[in-house]
Full PDB file with SEQRES, HELIX, SHEET, SSBOND, CRYST1, ORIGX, SCALE, CONECT and MASTER records, all heavy atoms in Angstrom:
SEQRES   1 A   42  ILE GLY VAL SER PHE ALA GLY ASP LEU ILE SER LEU PHE          
SEQRES   2 A   42  ILE TYR TRP GLU LEU MET ALA LEU PHE SER THR VAL VAL          
SEQRES   3 A   42  VAL TRP SER GLY GLY THR PRO ALA SER ARG ALA ALA GLY          
SEQRES   4 A   42  ILE ARG TYR                                                  
HELIX    1 AA1 GLY A    2  PHE A    5  1                                   4    
HELIX    2 AA2 LEU A    9  TRP A   28  1                                  20    
HELIX    3 AA3 PRO A   33  ARG A   41  1                                   9    
CRYST1    1.000    1.000    1.000  90.00  90.00  90.00 P 1           1          
ORIGX1      1.000000  0.000000  0.000000        0.00000                         
ORIGX2      0.000000  1.000000  0.000000        0.00000                         
ORIGX3      0.000000  0.000000  1.000000        0.00000                         
SCALE1      1.000000  0.000000  0.000000        0.00000                         
SCALE2      0.000000  1.000000  0.000000        0.00000                         
SCALE3      0.000000  0.000000  1.000000        0.00000                         
ATOM      1  N   ILE A   1      52.016  66.078  -9.957  1.00  0.00           N  
ATOM      2  CA  ILE A   1      51.404  66.497 -11.223  1.00  0.00           C  
ATOM      3  C   ILE A   1      50.111  65.715 -11.505  1.00  0.00           C  
ATOM      4  O   ILE A   1      49.151  66.156 -12.077  1.00  0.00           O  
ATOM      5  CB  ILE A   1      52.422  66.427 -12.438  1.00  0.00           C  
ATOM      6  CG1 ILE A   1      53.605  67.296 -12.189  1.00  0.00           C  
ATOM      7  CG2 ILE A   1      51.820  66.622 -13.811  1.00  0.00           C  
ATOM      8  CD1 ILE A   1      54.801  67.050 -13.093  1.00  0.00           C  
ATOM      9  N   GLY A   2      50.105  64.467 -11.130  1.00  0.00           N  
ATOM     10  CA  GLY A   2      48.960  63.635 -11.352  1.00  0.00           C  
ATOM     11  C   GLY A   2      47.861  64.176 -10.493  1.00  0.00           C  
ATOM     12  O   GLY A   2      46.664  64.176 -10.901  1.00  0.00           O  
ATOM     13  N   VAL A   3      48.073  64.466  -9.243  1.00  0.00           N  
ATOM     14  CA  VAL A   3      46.999  65.034  -8.439  1.00  0.00           C  
ATOM     15  C   VAL A   3      46.542  66.437  -9.037  1.00  0.00           C  
ATOM     16  O   VAL A   3      45.270  66.663  -8.978  1.00  0.00           O  
ATOM     17  CB  VAL A   3      47.484  65.373  -6.991  1.00  0.00           C  
ATOM     18  CG1 VAL A   3      46.634  66.308  -6.233  1.00  0.00           C  
ATOM     19  CG2 VAL A   3      47.881  64.109  -6.237  1.00  0.00           C  
ATOM     20  N   SER A   4      47.389  67.201  -9.687  1.00  0.00           N  
ATOM     21  CA  SER A   4      46.841  68.446 -10.303  1.00  0.00           C  
ATOM     22  C   SER A   4      45.801  68.194 -11.328  1.00  0.00           C  
ATOM     23  O   SER A   4      44.874  69.021 -11.435  1.00  0.00           O  
ATOM     24  CB  SER A   4      48.138  69.126 -10.936  1.00  0.00           C  
ATOM     25  OG  SER A   4      49.063  69.432  -9.982  1.00  0.00           O  
ATOM     26  N   PHE A   5      45.941  67.197 -12.100  1.00  0.00           N  
ATOM     27  CA  PHE A   5      44.943  66.935 -13.242  1.00  0.00           C  
ATOM     28  C   PHE A   5      43.967  65.907 -12.852  1.00  0.00           C  
ATOM     29  O   PHE A   5      43.117  65.538 -13.776  1.00  0.00           O  
ATOM     30  CB  PHE A   5      45.757  66.455 -14.481  1.00  0.00           C  
ATOM     31  CG  PHE A   5      46.472  67.651 -15.103  1.00  0.00           C  
ATOM     32  CD1 PHE A   5      47.869  67.622 -15.249  1.00  0.00           C  
ATOM     33  CD2 PHE A   5      45.860  68.723 -15.575  1.00  0.00           C  
ATOM     34  CE1 PHE A   5      48.544  68.688 -15.862  1.00  0.00           C  
ATOM     35  CE2 PHE A   5      46.406  69.709 -16.295  1.00  0.00           C  
ATOM     36  CZ  PHE A   5      47.798  69.800 -16.403  1.00  0.00           C  
ATOM     37  N   ALA A   6      44.039  65.290 -11.719  1.00  0.00           N  
ATOM     38  CA  ALA A   6      43.014  64.154 -11.308  1.00  0.00           C  
ATOM     39  C   ALA A   6      41.595  64.779 -11.326  1.00  0.00           C  
ATOM     40  O   ALA A   6      41.323  65.720 -10.581  1.00  0.00           O  
ATOM     41  CB  ALA A   6      43.358  63.622  -9.976  1.00  0.00           C  
ATOM     42  N   GLY A   7      40.756  64.141 -12.151  1.00  0.00           N  
ATOM     43  CA  GLY A   7      39.411  64.627 -12.268  1.00  0.00           C  
ATOM     44  C   GLY A   7      38.408  63.919 -11.307  1.00  0.00           C  
ATOM     45  O   GLY A   7      37.242  64.191 -11.325  1.00  0.00           O  
ATOM     46  N   ASP A   8      38.807  62.929 -10.591  1.00  0.00           N  
ATOM     47  CA  ASP A   8      37.953  62.154  -9.720  1.00  0.00           C  
ATOM     48  C   ASP A   8      38.678  61.900  -8.409  1.00  0.00           C  
ATOM     49  O   ASP A   8      39.929  61.886  -8.370  1.00  0.00           O  
ATOM     50  CB  ASP A   8      37.483  60.910 -10.375  1.00  0.00           C  
ATOM     51  CG  ASP A   8      38.569  59.955 -10.664  1.00  0.00           C  
ATOM     52  OD1 ASP A   8      38.911  59.105  -9.876  1.00  0.00           O  
ATOM     53  OD2 ASP A   8      39.097  60.038 -11.837  1.00  0.00           O  
ATOM     54  N   LEU A   9      37.902  61.401  -7.404  1.00  0.00           N  
ATOM     55  CA  LEU A   9      38.611  61.085  -6.110  1.00  0.00           C  
ATOM     56  C   LEU A   9      39.477  59.967  -6.056  1.00  0.00           C  
ATOM     57  O   LEU A   9      40.462  59.854  -5.466  1.00  0.00           O  
ATOM     58  CB  LEU A   9      37.455  60.954  -5.023  1.00  0.00           C  
ATOM     59  CG  LEU A   9      36.700  62.192  -4.727  1.00  0.00           C  
ATOM     60  CD1 LEU A   9      35.459  61.977  -3.820  1.00  0.00           C  
ATOM     61  CD2 LEU A   9      37.587  63.359  -4.011  1.00  0.00           C  
ATOM     62  N   ILE A  10      39.072  58.920  -6.924  1.00  0.00           N  
ATOM     63  CA  ILE A  10      39.938  57.755  -6.971  1.00  0.00           C  
ATOM     64  C   ILE A  10      41.346  58.006  -7.563  1.00  0.00           C  
ATOM     65  O   ILE A  10      42.356  57.566  -7.148  1.00  0.00           O  
ATOM     66  CB  ILE A  10      39.261  56.595  -7.726  1.00  0.00           C  
ATOM     67  CG1 ILE A  10      37.978  56.155  -6.986  1.00  0.00           C  
ATOM     68  CG2 ILE A  10      40.225  55.441  -7.955  1.00  0.00           C  
ATOM     69  CD1 ILE A  10      37.179  55.098  -7.673  1.00  0.00           C  
ATOM     70  N   SER A  11      41.358  58.708  -8.768  1.00  0.00           N  
ATOM     71  CA  SER A  11      42.627  59.066  -9.360  1.00  0.00           C  
ATOM     72  C   SER A  11      43.415  59.958  -8.488  1.00  0.00           C  
ATOM     73  O   SER A  11      44.654  59.747  -8.283  1.00  0.00           O  
ATOM     74  CB  SER A  11      42.307  59.865 -10.654  1.00  0.00           C  
ATOM     75  OG  SER A  11      41.684  59.048 -11.548  1.00  0.00           O  
ATOM     76  N   LEU A  12      42.794  60.916  -7.698  1.00  0.00           N  
ATOM     77  CA  LEU A  12      43.423  61.780  -6.698  1.00  0.00           C  
ATOM     78  C   LEU A  12      44.013  60.947  -5.780  1.00  0.00           C  
ATOM     79  O   LEU A  12      45.354  61.134  -5.404  1.00  0.00           O  
ATOM     80  CB  LEU A  12      42.512  62.758  -6.135  1.00  0.00           C  
ATOM     81  CG  LEU A  12      43.039  63.807  -5.302  1.00  0.00           C  
ATOM     82  CD1 LEU A  12      42.354  65.147  -5.385  1.00  0.00           C  
ATOM     83  CD2 LEU A  12      42.949  63.406  -3.875  1.00  0.00           C  
ATOM     84  N   PHE A  13      43.357  59.930  -5.187  1.00  0.00           N  
ATOM     85  CA  PHE A  13      43.905  59.140  -4.083  1.00  0.00           C  
ATOM     86  C   PHE A  13      45.164  58.276  -4.599  1.00  0.00           C  
ATOM     87  O   PHE A  13      46.135  58.128  -3.786  1.00  0.00           O  
ATOM     88  CB  PHE A  13      42.846  58.248  -3.556  1.00  0.00           C  
ATOM     89  CG  PHE A  13      43.316  57.346  -2.396  1.00  0.00           C  
ATOM     90  CD1 PHE A  13      43.519  57.879  -1.186  1.00  0.00           C  
ATOM     91  CD2 PHE A  13      43.664  56.040  -2.599  1.00  0.00           C  
ATOM     92  CE1 PHE A  13      43.960  57.007  -0.020  1.00  0.00           C  
ATOM     93  CE2 PHE A  13      44.071  55.227  -1.551  1.00  0.00           C  
ATOM     94  CZ  PHE A  13      44.250  55.741  -0.353  1.00  0.00           C  
ATOM     95  N   ILE A  14      45.038  57.758  -5.772  1.00  0.00           N  
ATOM     96  CA  ILE A  14      46.226  56.890  -6.230  1.00  0.00           C  
ATOM     97  C   ILE A  14      47.416  57.762  -6.376  1.00  0.00           C  
ATOM     98  O   ILE A  14      48.451  57.360  -5.922  1.00  0.00           O  
ATOM     99  CB  ILE A  14      45.759  56.300  -7.637  1.00  0.00           C  
ATOM    100  CG1 ILE A  14      44.737  55.244  -7.447  1.00  0.00           C  
ATOM    101  CG2 ILE A  14      46.985  55.738  -8.282  1.00  0.00           C  
ATOM    102  CD1 ILE A  14      44.103  54.736  -8.676  1.00  0.00           C  
ATOM    103  N   TYR A  15      47.380  58.984  -6.981  1.00  0.00           N  
ATOM    104  CA  TYR A  15      48.543  59.796  -7.093  1.00  0.00           C  
ATOM    105  C   TYR A  15      48.892  60.405  -5.746  1.00  0.00           C  
ATOM    106  O   TYR A  15      50.170  60.519  -5.382  1.00  0.00           O  
ATOM    107  CB  TYR A  15      48.198  61.017  -8.070  1.00  0.00           C  
ATOM    108  CG  TYR A  15      48.253  60.633  -9.469  1.00  0.00           C  
ATOM    109  CD1 TYR A  15      47.046  60.676 -10.251  1.00  0.00           C  
ATOM    110  CD2 TYR A  15      49.393  60.173 -10.113  1.00  0.00           C  
ATOM    111  CE1 TYR A  15      47.131  60.346 -11.616  1.00  0.00           C  
ATOM    112  CE2 TYR A  15      49.366  59.812 -11.497  1.00  0.00           C  
ATOM    113  CZ  TYR A  15      48.261  59.938 -12.197  1.00  0.00           C  
ATOM    114  OH  TYR A  15      48.205  59.577 -13.515  1.00  0.00           O  
ATOM    115  N   TRP A  16      48.023  60.565  -4.836  1.00  0.00           N  
ATOM    116  CA  TRP A  16      48.347  60.982  -3.498  1.00  0.00           C  
ATOM    117  C   TRP A  16      49.177  59.985  -2.802  1.00  0.00           C  
ATOM    118  O   TRP A  16      50.223  60.335  -2.123  1.00  0.00           O  
ATOM    119  CB  TRP A  16      46.967  61.176  -2.690  1.00  0.00           C  
ATOM    120  CG  TRP A  16      46.957  61.904  -1.522  1.00  0.00           C  
ATOM    121  CD1 TRP A  16      47.176  61.370  -0.243  1.00  0.00           C  
ATOM    122  CD2 TRP A  16      46.743  63.243  -1.269  1.00  0.00           C  
ATOM    123  NE1 TRP A  16      47.078  62.395   0.685  1.00  0.00           N  
ATOM    124  CE2 TRP A  16      46.840  63.605   0.157  1.00  0.00           C  
ATOM    125  CE3 TRP A  16      46.449  64.326  -2.164  1.00  0.00           C  
ATOM    126  CZ2 TRP A  16      46.542  64.804   0.674  1.00  0.00           C  
ATOM    127  CZ3 TRP A  16      46.246  65.622  -1.592  1.00  0.00           C  
ATOM    128  CH2 TRP A  16      46.337  65.816  -0.250  1.00  0.00           C  
ATOM    129  N   GLU A  17      48.823  58.729  -2.919  1.00  0.00           N  
ATOM    130  CA  GLU A  17      49.680  57.670  -2.228  1.00  0.00           C  
ATOM    131  C   GLU A  17      50.975  57.416  -2.981  1.00  0.00           C  
ATOM    132  O   GLU A  17      51.976  57.059  -2.345  1.00  0.00           O  
ATOM    133  CB  GLU A  17      48.846  56.366  -2.153  1.00  0.00           C  
ATOM    134  CG  GLU A  17      47.727  56.434  -1.256  1.00  0.00           C  
ATOM    135  CD  GLU A  17      48.132  56.853   0.235  1.00  0.00           C  
ATOM    136  OE1 GLU A  17      48.632  55.956   0.867  1.00  0.00           O  
ATOM    137  OE2 GLU A  17      47.751  57.964   0.592  1.00  0.00           O  
ATOM    138  N   LEU A  18      51.078  57.734  -4.226  1.00  0.00           N  
ATOM    139  CA  LEU A  18      52.244  57.724  -4.997  1.00  0.00           C  
ATOM    140  C   LEU A  18      53.358  58.706  -4.425  1.00  0.00           C  
ATOM    141  O   LEU A  18      54.542  58.382  -4.224  1.00  0.00           O  
ATOM    142  CB  LEU A  18      52.085  57.944  -6.465  1.00  0.00           C  
ATOM    143  CG  LEU A  18      53.365  57.837  -7.380  1.00  0.00           C  
ATOM    144  CD1 LEU A  18      53.786  56.337  -7.481  1.00  0.00           C  
ATOM    145  CD2 LEU A  18      53.077  58.437  -8.780  1.00  0.00           C  
ATOM    146  N   MET A  19      52.733  59.833  -4.043  1.00  0.00           N  
ATOM    147  CA  MET A  19      53.578  60.856  -3.431  1.00  0.00           C  
ATOM    148  C   MET A  19      54.158  60.377  -2.179  1.00  0.00           C  
ATOM    149  O   MET A  19      55.281  60.640  -1.798  1.00  0.00           O  
ATOM    150  CB  MET A  19      52.768  62.141  -3.361  1.00  0.00           C  
ATOM    151  CG  MET A  19      52.473  62.905  -4.623  1.00  0.00           C  
ATOM    152  SD  MET A  19      51.437  64.238  -4.281  1.00  0.00           S  
ATOM    153  CE  MET A  19      52.375  65.104  -3.044  1.00  0.00           C  
ATOM    154  N   ALA A  20      53.244  59.890  -1.196  1.00  0.00           N  
ATOM    155  CA  ALA A  20      53.530  59.435   0.091  1.00  0.00           C  
ATOM    156  C   ALA A  20      54.677  58.374  -0.033  1.00  0.00           C  
ATOM    157  O   ALA A  20      55.628  58.463   0.744  1.00  0.00           O  
ATOM    158  CB  ALA A  20      52.373  58.952   0.785  1.00  0.00           C  
ATOM    159  N   LEU A  21      54.527  57.395  -0.948  1.00  0.00           N  
ATOM    160  CA  LEU A  21      55.484  56.297  -0.976  1.00  0.00           C  
ATOM    161  C   LEU A  21      56.844  56.855  -1.350  1.00  0.00           C  
ATOM    162  O   LEU A  21      57.924  56.601  -0.692  1.00  0.00           O  
ATOM    163  CB  LEU A  21      54.995  55.319  -2.014  1.00  0.00           C  
ATOM    164  CG  LEU A  21      55.982  54.143  -2.352  1.00  0.00           C  
ATOM    165  CD1 LEU A  21      56.236  53.376  -1.095  1.00  0.00           C  
ATOM    166  CD2 LEU A  21      55.396  53.252  -3.480  1.00  0.00           C  
ATOM    167  N   PHE A  22      57.052  57.640  -2.451  1.00  0.00           N  
ATOM    168  CA  PHE A  22      58.340  58.024  -2.820  1.00  0.00           C  
ATOM    169  C   PHE A  22      58.837  59.161  -2.279  1.00  0.00           C  
ATOM    170  O   PHE A  22      60.120  59.433  -2.260  1.00  0.00           O  
ATOM    171  CB  PHE A  22      58.270  58.242  -4.473  1.00  0.00           C  
ATOM    172  CG  PHE A  22      58.054  56.940  -5.276  1.00  0.00           C  
ATOM    173  CD1 PHE A  22      56.877  56.487  -5.662  1.00  0.00           C  
ATOM    174  CD2 PHE A  22      59.120  56.029  -5.317  1.00  0.00           C  
ATOM    175  CE1 PHE A  22      56.721  55.303  -6.393  1.00  0.00           C  
ATOM    176  CE2 PHE A  22      59.027  54.801  -5.899  1.00  0.00           C  
ATOM    177  CZ  PHE A  22      57.768  54.439  -6.531  1.00  0.00           C  
ATOM    178  N   SER A  23      58.084  59.990  -1.593  1.00  0.00           N  
ATOM    179  CA  SER A  23      58.653  61.004  -0.657  1.00  0.00           C  
ATOM    180  C   SER A  23      59.367  60.344   0.487  1.00  0.00           C  
ATOM    181  O   SER A  23      60.426  60.930   0.989  1.00  0.00           O  
ATOM    182  CB  SER A  23      57.547  62.039  -0.266  1.00  0.00           C  
ATOM    183  OG  SER A  23      56.535  61.448   0.541  1.00  0.00           O  
ATOM    184  N   THR A  24      58.836  59.283   0.983  1.00  0.00           N  
ATOM    185  CA  THR A  24      59.515  58.558   2.026  1.00  0.00           C  
ATOM    186  C   THR A  24      60.856  58.032   1.623  1.00  0.00           C  
ATOM    187  O   THR A  24      61.784  58.100   2.346  1.00  0.00           O  
ATOM    188  CB  THR A  24      58.609  57.453   2.436  1.00  0.00           C  
ATOM    189  OG1 THR A  24      57.362  57.822   2.845  1.00  0.00           O  
ATOM    190  CG2 THR A  24      59.339  56.544   3.598  1.00  0.00           C  
ATOM    191  N   VAL A  25      60.938  57.534   0.314  1.00  0.00           N  
ATOM    192  CA  VAL A  25      62.193  57.102  -0.138  1.00  0.00           C  
ATOM    193  C   VAL A  25      63.150  58.291  -0.328  1.00  0.00           C  
ATOM    194  O   VAL A  25      64.339  58.078  -0.076  1.00  0.00           O  
ATOM    195  CB  VAL A  25      61.982  56.487  -1.639  1.00  0.00           C  
ATOM    196  CG1 VAL A  25      63.371  56.083  -2.221  1.00  0.00           C  
ATOM    197  CG2 VAL A  25      61.093  55.291  -1.547  1.00  0.00           C  
ATOM    198  N   VAL A  26      62.716  59.416  -0.627  1.00  0.00           N  
ATOM    199  CA  VAL A  26      63.604  60.605  -0.707  1.00  0.00           C  
ATOM    200  C   VAL A  26      64.147  60.902   0.669  1.00  0.00           C  
ATOM    201  O   VAL A  26      65.298  61.214   0.818  1.00  0.00           O  
ATOM    202  CB  VAL A  26      62.898  61.858  -1.269  1.00  0.00           C  
ATOM    203  CG1 VAL A  26      63.644  63.103  -1.133  1.00  0.00           C  
ATOM    204  CG2 VAL A  26      62.453  61.661  -2.727  1.00  0.00           C  
ATOM    205  N   VAL A  27      63.309  60.796   1.707  1.00  0.00           N  
ATOM    206  CA  VAL A  27      63.836  61.058   3.102  1.00  0.00           C  
ATOM    207  C   VAL A  27      64.841  59.950   3.399  1.00  0.00           C  
ATOM    208  O   VAL A  27      65.911  60.202   3.937  1.00  0.00           O  
ATOM    209  CB  VAL A  27      62.624  60.906   4.112  1.00  0.00           C  
ATOM    210  CG1 VAL A  27      63.111  61.070   5.565  1.00  0.00           C  
ATOM    211  CG2 VAL A  27      61.605  62.063   3.890  1.00  0.00           C  
ATOM    212  N   TRP A  28      64.546  58.669   3.183  1.00  0.00           N  
ATOM    213  CA  TRP A  28      65.600  57.652   3.381  1.00  0.00           C  
ATOM    214  C   TRP A  28      66.837  57.739   2.699  1.00  0.00           C  
ATOM    215  O   TRP A  28      67.829  57.254   3.055  1.00  0.00           O  
ATOM    216  CB  TRP A  28      64.896  56.193   2.999  1.00  0.00           C  
ATOM    217  CG  TRP A  28      64.011  55.755   4.063  1.00  0.00           C  
ATOM    218  CD1 TRP A  28      63.990  56.029   5.508  1.00  0.00           C  
ATOM    219  CD2 TRP A  28      62.835  54.829   3.938  1.00  0.00           C  
ATOM    220  NE1 TRP A  28      63.015  55.407   6.126  1.00  0.00           N  
ATOM    221  CE2 TRP A  28      62.341  54.689   5.205  1.00  0.00           C  
ATOM    222  CE3 TRP A  28      62.437  54.211   2.824  1.00  0.00           C  
ATOM    223  CZ2 TRP A  28      61.257  53.796   5.425  1.00  0.00           C  
ATOM    224  CZ3 TRP A  28      61.183  53.347   3.060  1.00  0.00           C  
ATOM    225  CH2 TRP A  28      60.705  53.200   4.285  1.00  0.00           C  
ATOM    226  N   SER A  29      66.827  58.505   1.573  1.00  0.00           N  
ATOM    227  CA  SER A  29      68.000  58.694   0.798  1.00  0.00           C  
ATOM    228  C   SER A  29      69.057  59.484   1.525  1.00  0.00           C  
ATOM    229  O   SER A  29      70.155  59.678   0.934  1.00  0.00           O  
ATOM    230  CB  SER A  29      67.662  59.322  -0.640  1.00  0.00           C  
ATOM    231  OG  SER A  29      66.860  58.403  -1.418  1.00  0.00           O  
ATOM    232  N   GLY A  30      68.686  60.111   2.567  1.00  0.00           N  
ATOM    233  CA  GLY A  30      69.649  60.831   3.433  1.00  0.00           C  
ATOM    234  C   GLY A  30      70.841  59.979   3.800  1.00  0.00           C  
ATOM    235  O   GLY A  30      71.883  60.426   4.143  1.00  0.00           O  
ATOM    236  N   GLY A  31      70.545  58.569   3.880  1.00  0.00           N  
ATOM    237  CA  GLY A  31      71.542  57.638   4.212  1.00  0.00           C  
ATOM    238  C   GLY A  31      72.176  57.481   5.573  1.00  0.00           C  
ATOM    239  O   GLY A  31      73.202  56.995   5.819  1.00  0.00           O  
ATOM    240  N   THR A  32      71.435  58.173   6.602  1.00  0.00           N  
ATOM    241  CA  THR A  32      71.943  58.101   7.961  1.00  0.00           C  
ATOM    242  C   THR A  32      70.922  57.356   8.758  1.00  0.00           C  
ATOM    243  O   THR A  32      69.783  57.230   8.495  1.00  0.00           O  
ATOM    244  CB  THR A  32      72.223  59.573   8.443  1.00  0.00           C  
ATOM    245  OG1 THR A  32      70.872  60.268   8.544  1.00  0.00           O  
ATOM    246  CG2 THR A  32      73.074  60.307   7.516  1.00  0.00           C  
ATOM    247  N   PRO A  33      71.316  56.825  10.009  1.00  0.00           N  
ATOM    248  CA  PRO A  33      70.378  56.347  10.933  1.00  0.00           C  
ATOM    249  C   PRO A  33      69.257  57.299  11.195  1.00  0.00           C  
ATOM    250  O   PRO A  33      68.077  56.876  11.403  1.00  0.00           O  
ATOM    251  CB  PRO A  33      71.178  55.996  12.138  1.00  0.00           C  
ATOM    252  CG  PRO A  33      72.596  55.829  11.700  1.00  0.00           C  
ATOM    253  CD  PRO A  33      72.626  56.749  10.475  1.00  0.00           C  
ATOM    254  N   ALA A  34      69.546  58.573  11.407  1.00  0.00           N  
ATOM    255  CA  ALA A  34      68.456  59.561  11.677  1.00  0.00           C  
ATOM    256  C   ALA A  34      67.506  59.693  10.491  1.00  0.00           C  
ATOM    257  O   ALA A  34      66.263  59.810  10.701  1.00  0.00           O  
ATOM    258  CB  ALA A  34      69.119  60.916  12.054  1.00  0.00           C  
ATOM    259  N   SER A  35      67.950  59.674   9.325  1.00  0.00           N  
ATOM    260  CA  SER A  35      67.037  59.757   8.117  1.00  0.00           C  
ATOM    261  C   SER A  35      66.233  58.481   8.040  1.00  0.00           C  
ATOM    262  O   SER A  35      65.049  58.586   7.609  1.00  0.00           O  
ATOM    263  CB  SER A  35      67.829  59.953   6.800  1.00  0.00           C  
ATOM    264  OG  SER A  35      68.628  58.839   6.518  1.00  0.00           O  
ATOM    265  N   ARG A  36      66.790  57.418   8.369  1.00  0.00           N  
ATOM    266  CA  ARG A  36      65.954  56.075   8.280  1.00  0.00           C  
ATOM    267  C   ARG A  36      64.832  56.106   9.403  1.00  0.00           C  
ATOM    268  O   ARG A  36      63.720  55.777   9.013  1.00  0.00           O  
ATOM    269  CB  ARG A  36      66.843  54.852   8.449  1.00  0.00           C  
ATOM    270  CG  ARG A  36      67.766  54.563   7.214  1.00  0.00           C  
ATOM    271  CD  ARG A  36      68.423  53.252   7.384  1.00  0.00           C  
ATOM    272  NE  ARG A  36      69.393  53.281   8.354  1.00  0.00           N  
ATOM    273  CZ  ARG A  36      70.727  53.639   8.155  1.00  0.00           C  
ATOM    274  NH1 ARG A  36      71.031  53.896   6.903  1.00  0.00           N  
ATOM    275  NH2 ARG A  36      71.584  53.535   9.127  1.00  0.00           N  
ATOM    276  N   ALA A  37      65.129  56.562  10.620  1.00  0.00           N  
ATOM    277  CA  ALA A  37      64.167  56.676  11.571  1.00  0.00           C  
ATOM    278  C   ALA A  37      63.052  57.705  11.273  1.00  0.00           C  
ATOM    279  O   ALA A  37      61.932  57.514  11.424  1.00  0.00           O  
ATOM    280  CB  ALA A  37      64.844  56.975  12.879  1.00  0.00           C  
ATOM    281  N   ALA A  38      63.598  58.826  10.771  1.00  0.00           N  
ATOM    282  CA  ALA A  38      62.647  59.841  10.460  1.00  0.00           C  
ATOM    283  C   ALA A  38      61.706  59.463   9.238  1.00  0.00           C  
ATOM    284  O   ALA A  38      60.521  59.814   9.225  1.00  0.00           O  
ATOM    285  CB  ALA A  38      63.355  61.180  10.028  1.00  0.00           C  
ATOM    286  N   GLY A  39      62.274  58.720   8.342  1.00  0.00           N  
ATOM    287  CA  GLY A  39      61.521  58.156   7.214  1.00  0.00           C  
ATOM    288  C   GLY A  39      60.457  57.216   7.619  1.00  0.00           C  
ATOM    289  O   GLY A  39      59.334  57.209   7.145  1.00  0.00           O  
ATOM    290  N   ILE A  40      60.769  56.370   8.666  1.00  0.00           N  
ATOM    291  CA  ILE A  40      59.834  55.483   9.179  1.00  0.00           C  
ATOM    292  C   ILE A  40      58.561  56.265   9.827  1.00  0.00           C  
ATOM    293  O   ILE A  40      57.429  56.023   9.618  1.00  0.00           O  
ATOM    294  CB  ILE A  40      60.398  54.515  10.161  1.00  0.00           C  
ATOM    295  CG1 ILE A  40      61.287  53.526   9.443  1.00  0.00           C  
ATOM    296  CG2 ILE A  40      59.346  53.760  10.924  1.00  0.00           C  
ATOM    297  CD1 ILE A  40      62.138  52.689  10.329  1.00  0.00           C  
ATOM    298  N   ARG A  41      58.922  57.272  10.714  1.00  0.00           N  
ATOM    299  CA  ARG A  41      57.870  58.048  11.262  1.00  0.00           C  
ATOM    300  C   ARG A  41      57.106  58.761  10.232  1.00  0.00           C  
ATOM    301  O   ARG A  41      55.877  58.876  10.286  1.00  0.00           O  
ATOM    302  CB  ARG A  41      58.447  59.019  12.333  1.00  0.00           C  
ATOM    303  CG  ARG A  41      59.161  58.381  13.481  1.00  0.00           C  
ATOM    304  CD  ARG A  41      59.602  59.401  14.478  1.00  0.00           C  
ATOM    305  NE  ARG A  41      60.625  60.335  14.027  1.00  0.00           N  
ATOM    306  CZ  ARG A  41      62.002  60.112  14.300  1.00  0.00           C  
ATOM    307  NH1 ARG A  41      62.345  58.984  14.958  1.00  0.00           N  
ATOM    308  NH2 ARG A  41      62.793  60.909  13.807  1.00  0.00           N  
ATOM    309  N   TYR A  42      57.767  59.314   9.214  1.00  0.00           N  
ATOM    310  CA  TYR A  42      57.112  60.064   8.125  1.00  0.00           C  
ATOM    311  C   TYR A  42      56.115  59.087   7.453  1.00  0.00           C  
ATOM    312  O   TYR A  42      54.974  59.367   7.110  1.00  0.00           O  
ATOM    313  CB  TYR A  42      58.164  60.502   7.133  1.00  0.00           C  
ATOM    314  CG  TYR A  42      57.734  61.219   5.958  1.00  0.00           C  
ATOM    315  CD1 TYR A  42      57.620  62.658   5.889  1.00  0.00           C  
ATOM    316  CD2 TYR A  42      57.399  60.561   4.802  1.00  0.00           C  
ATOM    317  CE1 TYR A  42      57.239  63.323   4.729  1.00  0.00           C  
ATOM    318  CE2 TYR A  42      56.964  61.222   3.581  1.00  0.00           C  
ATOM    319  CZ  TYR A  42      56.899  62.586   3.642  1.00  0.00           C  
ATOM    320  OH  TYR A  42      56.484  63.246   2.525  1.00  0.00           O  
TER     321      TYR A  42                                                      
MASTER        0    0    0    3    0    0    0    6  320    1    0    4          
END                                                                             
C-alpha cells in the first residue's frame, strides 16, 4: 500500500524493501527446513 501511494523514488524504495523483508518472514513461517532454505534463497 505504501508503494501504491509513494510519490517519489526514495519513498518507493523504502516501502519496496519493507515488502522484501516481511515477505521473507512469511515464507519462513512455513516452519519447515524447506521453508527456511527457500526463505534464505528468496
